[in-house]
Amino acid sequence: MPIYEYVCDDCGERYERVVMSKKQAITCPKCSSAKKTVQLSVFAAPANESKSFSGASSASSSGGGCCGGACRCH
């Protein structure tokens, strides 16, 4: 069950929906419009020190931010 993020094309409202089926009707909670744009979204997974990859360190100990600094975004 993926969670999708949308922006309403008519009023600009941002909202999320859990999509159970491709046939599910998705409408804006503010104006009820069905015109929408799917947004790219990022997700976060909780860090688990005991199951880290070899050679990787957590963001809190390395100061690298959300990704540990491996992607050089910081």
PDB file of N, CA and C in Angstrom:
ATOM      1  N   MET A   1       0.826  -1.176   0.000  1.00  0.00           N
ATOM      2  CA  MET A   1       0.000   0.000   0.000  1.00  0.00           C
ATOM      3  C   MET A   1       0.878   1.249   0.000  1.00  0.00           C
ATOM      4  N   PRO A   2       1.172   1.769  -1.164  1.00  0.00           N
ATOM      5  CA  PRO A   2       2.003   2.973  -1.220  1.00  0.00           C
ATOM      6  C   PRO A   2       1.232   4.229  -0.830  1.00  0.00           C
ATOM      7  N   ILE A   3       1.961   5.180  -0.277  1.00  0.00           N
ATOM      8  CA  ILE A   3       1.404   6.496   0.025  1.00  0.00           C
ATOM      9  C   ILE A   3       1.897   7.434  -1.064  1.00  0.00           C
ATOM     10  N   TYR A   4       0.967   8.099  -1.739  1.00  0.00           N
ATOM     11  CA  TYR A   4       1.303   9.034  -2.793  1.00  0.00           C
ATOM     12  C   TYR A   4       1.059  10.452  -2.313  1.00  0.00           C
ATOM     13  N   GLU A   5       1.905  11.376  -2.764  1.00  0.00           N
ATOM     14  CA  GLU A   5       1.743  12.792  -2.471  1.00  0.00           C
ATOM     15  C   GLU A   5       1.274  13.479  -3.750  1.00  0.00           C
ATOM     16  N   TYR A   6       0.297  14.369  -3.597  1.00  0.00           N
ATOM     17  CA  TYR A   6      -0.288  15.057  -4.736  1.00  0.00           C
ATOM     18  C   TYR A   6      -0.312  16.559  -4.505  1.00  0.00           C
ATOM     19  N   VAL A   7      -0.413  17.312  -5.607  1.00  0.00           N
ATOM     20  CA  VAL A   7      -0.724  18.733  -5.591  1.00  0.00           C
ATOM     21  C   VAL A   7      -1.922  18.910  -6.512  1.00  0.00           C
ATOM     22  N   CYS A   8      -2.955  19.565  -5.998  1.00  0.00           N
ATOM     23  CA  CYS A   8      -4.151  19.813  -6.799  1.00  0.00           C
ATOM     24  C   CYS A   8      -3.822  20.825  -7.888  1.00  0.00           C
ATOM     25  N   ASP A   9      -4.164  20.516  -9.125  1.00  0.00           N
ATOM     26  CA  ASP A   9      -3.902  21.411 -10.249  1.00  0.00           C
ATOM     27  C   ASP A   9      -4.824  22.632 -10.241  1.00  0.00           C
ATOM     28  N   ASP A  10      -5.962  22.539  -9.549  1.00  0.00           N
ATOM     29  CA  ASP A  10      -6.915  23.651  -9.529  1.00  0.00           C
ATOM     30  C   ASP A  10      -6.656  24.642  -8.397  1.00  0.00           C
ATOM     31  N   CYS A  11      -6.424  24.152  -7.169  1.00  0.00           N
ATOM     32  CA  CYS A  11      -6.299  25.075  -6.027  1.00  0.00           C
ATOM     33  C   CYS A  11      -4.913  25.076  -5.383  1.00  0.00           C
ATOM     34  N   GLY A  12      -4.040  24.145  -5.764  1.00  0.00           N
ATOM     35  CA  GLY A  12      -2.683  24.123  -5.221  1.00  0.00           C
ATOM     36  C   GLY A  12      -2.529  23.392  -3.896  1.00  0.00           C
ATOM     37  N   GLU A  13      -3.597  22.817  -3.376  1.00  0.00           N
ATOM     38  CA  GLU A  13      -3.546  22.074  -2.103  1.00  0.00           C
ATOM     39  C   GLU A  13      -2.612  20.870  -2.229  1.00  0.00           C
ATOM     40  N   ARG A  14      -1.780  20.648  -1.212  1.00  0.00           N
ATOM     41  CA  ARG A  14      -0.908  19.474  -1.150  1.00  0.00           C
ATOM     42  C   ARG A  14      -1.553  18.462  -0.213  1.00  0.00           C
ATOM     43  N   TYR A  15      -1.586  17.186  -0.632  1.00  0.00           N
ATOM     44  CA  TYR A  15      -2.194  16.159   0.195  1.00  0.00           C
ATOM     45  C   TYR A  15      -1.594  14.797  -0.113  1.00  0.00           C
ATOM     46  N   GLU A  16      -1.821  13.851   0.790  1.00  0.00           N
ATOM     47  CA  GLU A  16      -1.316  12.478   0.651  1.00  0.00           C
ATOM     48  C   GLU A  16      -2.489  11.510   0.674  1.00  0.00           C
ATOM     49  N   ARG A  17      -2.315  10.388   0.002  1.00  0.00           N
ATOM     50  CA  ARG A  17      -3.330   9.333   0.022  1.00  0.00           C
ATOM     51  C   ARG A  17      -2.646   7.970   0.014  1.00  0.00           C
ATOM     52  N   VAL A  18      -3.211   7.042   0.775  1.00  0.00           N
ATOM     53  CA  VAL A  18      -2.816   5.642   0.699  1.00  0.00           C
ATOM     54  C   VAL A  18      -3.623   5.061  -0.453  1.00  0.00           C
ATOM     55  N   VAL A  19      -2.945   4.498  -1.435  1.00  0.00           N
ATOM     56  CA  VAL A  19      -3.618   3.998  -2.629  1.00  0.00           C
ATOM     57  C   VAL A  19      -3.716   2.483  -2.560  1.00  0.00           C
ATOM     58  N   MET A  20      -4.925   1.999  -2.449  1.00  0.00           N
ATOM     59  CA  MET A  20      -5.186   0.563  -2.339  1.00  0.00           C
ATOM     60  C   MET A  20      -5.322  -0.089  -3.723  1.00  0.00           C
ATOM     61  N   SER A  21      -5.763   0.687  -4.708  1.00  0.00           N
ATOM     62  CA  SER A  21      -6.011   0.157  -6.042  1.00  0.00           C
ATOM     63  C   SER A  21      -5.817   1.281  -7.058  1.00  0.00           C
ATOM     64  N   LYS A  22      -5.408   0.907  -8.260  1.00  0.00           N
ATOM     65  CA  LYS A  22      -5.254   1.911  -9.319  1.00  0.00           C
ATOM     66  C   LYS A  22      -6.595   2.495  -9.733  1.00  0.00           C
ATOM     67  N   LYS A  23      -7.670   1.791  -9.434  1.00  0.00           N
ATOM     68  CA  LYS A  23      -9.012   2.253  -9.783  1.00  0.00           C
ATOM     69  C   LYS A  23      -9.597   3.205  -8.737  1.00  0.00           C
ATOM     70  N   GLN A  24      -8.903   3.405  -7.631  1.00  0.00           N
ATOM     71  CA  GLN A  24      -9.374   4.268  -6.551  1.00  0.00           C
ATOM     72  C   GLN A  24      -9.421   5.726  -7.016  1.00  0.00           C
ATOM     73  N   ALA A  25     -10.562   6.393  -6.800  1.00  0.00           N
ATOM     74  CA  ALA A  25     -10.700   7.799  -7.176  1.00  0.00           C
ATOM     75  C   ALA A  25      -9.998   8.669  -6.139  1.00  0.00           C
ATOM     76  N   ILE A  26      -9.112   9.542  -6.603  1.00  0.00           N
ATOM     77  CA  ILE A  26      -8.380  10.448  -5.727  1.00  0.00           C
ATOM     78  C   ILE A  26      -8.844  11.861  -6.041  1.00  0.00           C
ATOM     79  N   THR A  27      -9.372  12.546  -5.029  1.00  0.00           N
ATOM     80  CA  THR A  27      -9.814  13.921  -5.214  1.00  0.00           C
ATOM     81  C   THR A  27      -9.206  14.810  -4.135  1.00  0.00           C
ATOM     82  N   CYS A  28      -9.126  16.085  -4.442  1.00  0.00           N
ATOM     83  CA  CYS A  28      -8.571  17.073  -3.531  1.00  0.00           C
ATOM     84  C   CYS A  28      -9.484  17.230  -2.311  1.00  0.00           C
ATOM     85  N   PRO A  29      -8.920  17.223  -1.098  1.00  0.00           N
ATOM     86  CA  PRO A  29      -9.740  17.396   0.094  1.00  0.00           C
ATOM     87  C   PRO A  29     -10.283  18.817   0.254  1.00  0.00           C
ATOM     88  N   LYS A  30      -9.679  19.782  -0.434  1.00  0.00           N
ATOM     89  CA  LYS A  30     -10.100  21.176  -0.303  1.00  0.00           C
ATOM     90  C   LYS A  30     -11.187  21.557  -1.307  1.00  0.00           C
ATOM     91  N   CYS A  31     -10.975  21.207  -2.581  1.00  0.00           N
ATOM     92  CA  CYS A  31     -11.917  21.640  -3.620  1.00  0.00           C
ATOM     93  C   CYS A  31     -12.604  20.488  -4.352  1.00  0.00           C
ATOM     94  N   SER A  32     -12.246  19.252  -4.029  1.00  0.00           N
ATOM     95  CA  SER A  32     -12.839  18.038  -4.616  1.00  0.00           C
ATOM     96  C   SER A  32     -12.493  17.821  -6.084  1.00  0.00           C
ATOM     97  N   SER A  33     -11.506  18.534  -6.600  1.00  0.00           N
ATOM     98  CA  SER A  33     -11.090  18.359  -7.981  1.00  0.00           C
ATOM     99  C   SER A  33     -10.331  17.042  -8.133  1.00  0.00           C
ATOM    100  N   ALA A  34     -10.491  16.416  -9.287  1.00  0.00           N
ATOM    101  CA  ALA A  34      -9.756  15.188  -9.584  1.00  0.00           C
ATOM    102  C   ALA A  34      -8.469  15.484 -10.358  1.00  0.00           C
ATOM    103  N   LYS A  35      -8.256  16.767 -10.696  1.00  0.00           N
ATOM    104  CA  LYS A  35      -7.042  17.158 -11.424  1.00  0.00           C
ATOM    105  C   LYS A  35      -5.906  17.289 -10.426  1.00  0.00           C
ATOM    106  N   LYS A  36      -4.863  16.480 -10.618  1.00  0.00           N
ATOM    107  CA  LYS A  36      -3.763  16.455  -9.655  1.00  0.00           C
ATOM    108  C   LYS A  36      -2.465  16.100 -10.339  1.00  0.00           C
ATOM    109  N   THR A  37      -1.365  16.435  -9.672  1.00  0.00           N
ATOM    110  CA  THR A  37      -0.036  16.067 -10.127  1.00  0.00           C
ATOM    111  C   THR A  37       0.615  15.274  -9.013  1.00  0.00           C
ATOM    112  N   VAL A  38       1.139  14.106  -9.349  1.00  0.00           N
ATOM    113  CA  VAL A  38       1.830  13.276  -8.366  1.00  0.00           C
ATOM    114  C   VAL A  38       3.197  13.897  -8.107  1.00  0.00           C
ATOM    115  N   GLN A  39       3.560  14.017  -6.836  1.00  0.00           N
ATOM    116  CA  GLN A  39       4.833  14.608  -6.440  1.00  0.00           C
ATOM    117  C   GLN A  39       5.845  13.520  -6.130  1.00  0.00           C
ATOM    118  N   LEU A  40       7.089  13.797  -6.410  1.00  0.00           N
ATOM    119  CA  LEU A  40       8.158  12.906  -5.976  1.00  0.00           C
ATOM    120  C   LEU A  40       8.344  13.125  -4.490  1.00  0.00           C
ATOM    121  N   SER A  41       8.538  12.076  -3.762  1.00  0.00           N
ATOM    122  CA  SER A  41       8.713  12.223  -2.325  1.00  0.00           C
ATOM    123  C   SER A  41       9.875  11.356  -1.859  1.00  0.00           C
ATOM    124  N   VAL A  42      10.432  11.741  -0.737  1.00  0.00           N
ATOM    125  CA  VAL A  42      11.498  10.970  -0.126  1.00  0.00           C
ATOM    126  C   VAL A  42      10.954  10.331   1.136  1.00  0.00           C
ATOM    127  N   PHE A  43      11.575   9.286   1.552  1.00  0.00           N
ATOM    128  CA  PHE A  43      11.145   8.643   2.775  1.00  0.00           C
ATOM    129  C   PHE A  43      12.351   8.465   3.670  1.00  0.00           C
ATOM    130  N   ALA A  44      12.087   8.305   4.925  1.00  0.00           N
ATOM    131  CA  ALA A  44      13.162   8.108   5.894  1.00  0.00           C
ATOM    132  C   ALA A  44      12.943   6.784   6.598  1.00  0.00           C
ATOM    133  N   ALA A  45      14.009   6.082   6.821  1.00  0.00           N
ATOM    134  CA  ALA A  45      13.955   4.836   7.577  1.00  0.00           C
ATOM    135  C   ALA A  45      14.741   5.053   8.865  1.00  0.00           C
ATOM    136  N   PRO A  46      14.257   4.530   9.956  1.00  0.00           N
ATOM    137  CA  PRO A  46      14.983   4.725  11.204  1.00  0.00           C
ATOM    138  C   PRO A  46      16.344   4.047  11.158  1.00  0.00           C
ATOM    139  N   ALA A  47      17.343   4.721  11.700  1.00  0.00           N
ATOM    140  CA  ALA A  47      18.696   4.161  11.741  1.00  0.00           C
ATOM    141  C   ALA A  47      18.740   3.063  12.790  1.00  0.00           C
ATOM    142  N   ASN A  48      19.472   2.023  12.480  1.00  0.00           N
ATOM    143  CA  ASN A  48      19.606   0.909  13.403  1.00  0.00           C
ATOM    144  C   ASN A  48      21.091   0.589  13.490  1.00  0.00           C
ATOM    145  N   GLU A  49      21.719   1.011  14.559  1.00  0.00           N
ATOM    146  CA  GLU A  49      23.169   0.853  14.721  1.00  0.00           C
ATOM    147  C   GLU A  49      23.614  -0.606  14.624  1.00  0.00           C
ATOM    148  N   SER A  50      22.819  -1.529  15.134  1.00  0.00           N
ATOM    149  CA  SER A  50      23.257  -2.926  15.190  1.00  0.00           C
ATOM    150  C   SER A  50      23.221  -3.615  13.835  1.00  0.00           C
ATOM    151  N   LYS A  51      22.464  -3.081  12.883  1.00  0.00           N
ATOM    152  CA  LYS A  51      22.349  -3.723  11.575  1.00  0.00           C
ATOM    153  C   LYS A  51      22.892  -2.838  10.464  1.00  0.00           C
ATOM    154  N   SER A  52      23.863  -1.990  10.759  1.00  0.00           N
ATOM    155  CA  SER A  52      24.399  -1.097   9.736  1.00  0.00           C
ATOM    156  C   SER A  52      25.295  -1.882   8.783  1.00  0.00           C
ATOM    157  N   PHE A  53      25.420  -1.342   7.580  1.00  0.00           N
ATOM    158  CA  PHE A  53      26.279  -1.959   6.585  1.00  0.00           C
ATOM    159  C   PHE A  53      27.728  -1.824   7.023  1.00  0.00           C
ATOM    160  N   SER A  54      28.558  -2.747   6.619  1.00  0.00           N
ATOM    161  CA  SER A  54      29.962  -2.663   7.005  1.00  0.00           C
ATOM    162  C   SER A  54      30.591  -1.429   6.384  1.00  0.00           C
ATOM    163  N   GLY A  55      31.307  -0.661   7.201  1.00  0.00           N
ATOM    164  CA  GLY A  55      31.949   0.553   6.726  1.00  0.00           C
ATOM    165  C   GLY A  55      31.054   1.767   6.759  1.00  0.00           C
ATOM    166  N   ALA A  56      29.756   1.603   7.013  1.00  0.00           N
ATOM    167  CA  ALA A  56      28.847   2.741   7.064  1.00  0.00           C
ATOM    168  C   ALA A  56      28.620   3.137   8.507  1.00  0.00           C
ATOM    169  N   SER A  57      28.417   4.409   8.720  1.00  0.00           N
ATOM    170  CA  SER A  57      28.111   4.882  10.058  1.00  0.00           C
ATOM    171  C   SER A  57      26.815   5.653  10.020  1.00  0.00           C
ATOM    172  N   SER A  58      26.199   5.814  11.167  1.00  0.00           N
ATOM    173  CA  SER A  58      24.920   6.509  11.207  1.00  0.00           C
ATOM    174  C   SER A  58      25.128   7.995  11.023  1.00  0.00           C
ATOM    175  N   ALA A  59      24.067   8.680  10.613  1.00  0.00           N
ATOM    176  CA  ALA A  59      24.142  10.116  10.373  1.00  0.00           C
ATOM    177  C   ALA A  59      24.426  10.866  11.662  1.00  0.00           C
ATOM    178  N   SER A  60      23.925  10.359  12.794  1.00  0.00           N
ATOM    179  CA  SER A  60      24.120  11.083  14.041  1.00  0.00           C
ATOM    180  C   SER A  60      25.570  11.061  14.500  1.00  0.00           C
ATOM    181  N   SER A  61      26.296   9.997  14.197  1.00  0.00           N
ATOM    182  CA  SER A  61      27.679   9.937  14.642  1.00  0.00           C
ATOM    183  C   SER A  61      28.645  10.538  13.630  1.00  0.00           C
ATOM    184  N   SER A  62      28.279  10.554  12.355  1.00  0.00           N
ATOM    185  CA  SER A  62      29.184  11.074  11.338  1.00  0.00           C
ATOM    186  C   SER A  62      28.927  12.531  11.001  1.00  0.00           C
ATOM    187  N   GLY A  63      27.753  13.045  11.396  1.00  0.00           N
ATOM    188  CA  GLY A  63      27.421  14.426  11.082  1.00  0.00           C
ATOM    189  C   GLY A  63      27.068  14.628   9.629  1.00  0.00           C
ATOM    190  N   GLY A  64      26.722  13.557   8.913  1.00  0.00           N
ATOM    191  CA  GLY A  64      26.454  13.649   7.490  1.00  0.00           C
ATOM    192  C   GLY A  64      25.028  13.964   7.127  1.00  0.00           C
ATOM    193  N   GLY A  65      24.153  14.109   8.093  1.00  0.00           N
ATOM    194  CA  GLY A  65      22.766  14.439   7.792  1.00  0.00           C
ATOM    195  C   GLY A  65      21.938  13.218   7.480  1.00  0.00           C
ATOM    196  N   CYS A  66      20.961  13.373   6.594  1.00  0.00           N
ATOM    197  CA  CYS A  66      19.978  12.329   6.335  1.00  0.00           C
ATOM    198  C   CYS A  66      20.565  11.077   5.699  1.00  0.00           C
ATOM    199  N   CYS A  67      21.639  11.211   4.966  1.00  0.00           N
ATOM    200  CA  CYS A  67      22.185  10.059   4.239  1.00  0.00           C
ATOM    201  C   CYS A  67      23.558   9.634   4.745  1.00  0.00           C
ATOM    202  N   GLY A  68      24.033  10.243   5.788  1.00  0.00           N
ATOM    203  CA  GLY A  68      25.353   9.892   6.291  1.00  0.00           C
ATOM    204  C   GLY A  68      26.487  10.532   5.518  1.00  0.00           C
ATOM    205  N   GLY A  69      26.144  11.393   4.550  1.00  0.00           N
ATOM    206  CA  GLY A  69      27.160  12.092   3.788  1.00  0.00           C
ATOM    207  C   GLY A  69      27.692  11.347   2.586  1.00  0.00           C
ATOM    208  N   ALA A  70      27.244  10.115   2.347  1.00  0.00           N
ATOM    209  CA  ALA A  70      27.758   9.315   1.244  1.00  0.00           C
ATOM    210  C   ALA A  70      27.432   9.898  -0.119  1.00  0.00           C
ATOM    211  N   CYS A  71      26.330  10.606  -0.235  1.00  0.00           N
ATOM    212  CA  CYS A  71      25.941  11.152  -1.541  1.00  0.00           C
ATOM    213  C   CYS A  71      26.506  12.547  -1.776  1.00  0.00           C
ATOM    214  N   ARG A  72      27.207  13.076  -0.809  1.00  0.00           N
ATOM    215  CA  ARG A  72      27.827  14.400  -0.874  1.00  0.00           C
ATOM    216  C   ARG A  72      26.808  15.521  -1.042  1.00  0.00           C
ATOM    217  N   CYS A  73      25.600  15.327  -0.501  1.00  0.00           N
ATOM    218  CA  CYS A  73      24.586  16.378  -0.581  1.00  0.00           C
ATOM    219  C   CYS A  73      24.782  17.420   0.507  1.00  0.00           C
ATOM    220  N   HIS A  74      25.698  17.200   1.421  1.00  0.00           N
ATOM    221  CA  HIS A  74      25.921  18.146   2.534  1.00  0.00           C
ATOM    222  C   HIS A  74      27.307  18.726   2.458  1.00  0.00           C
TER     223      HIS A  74
END
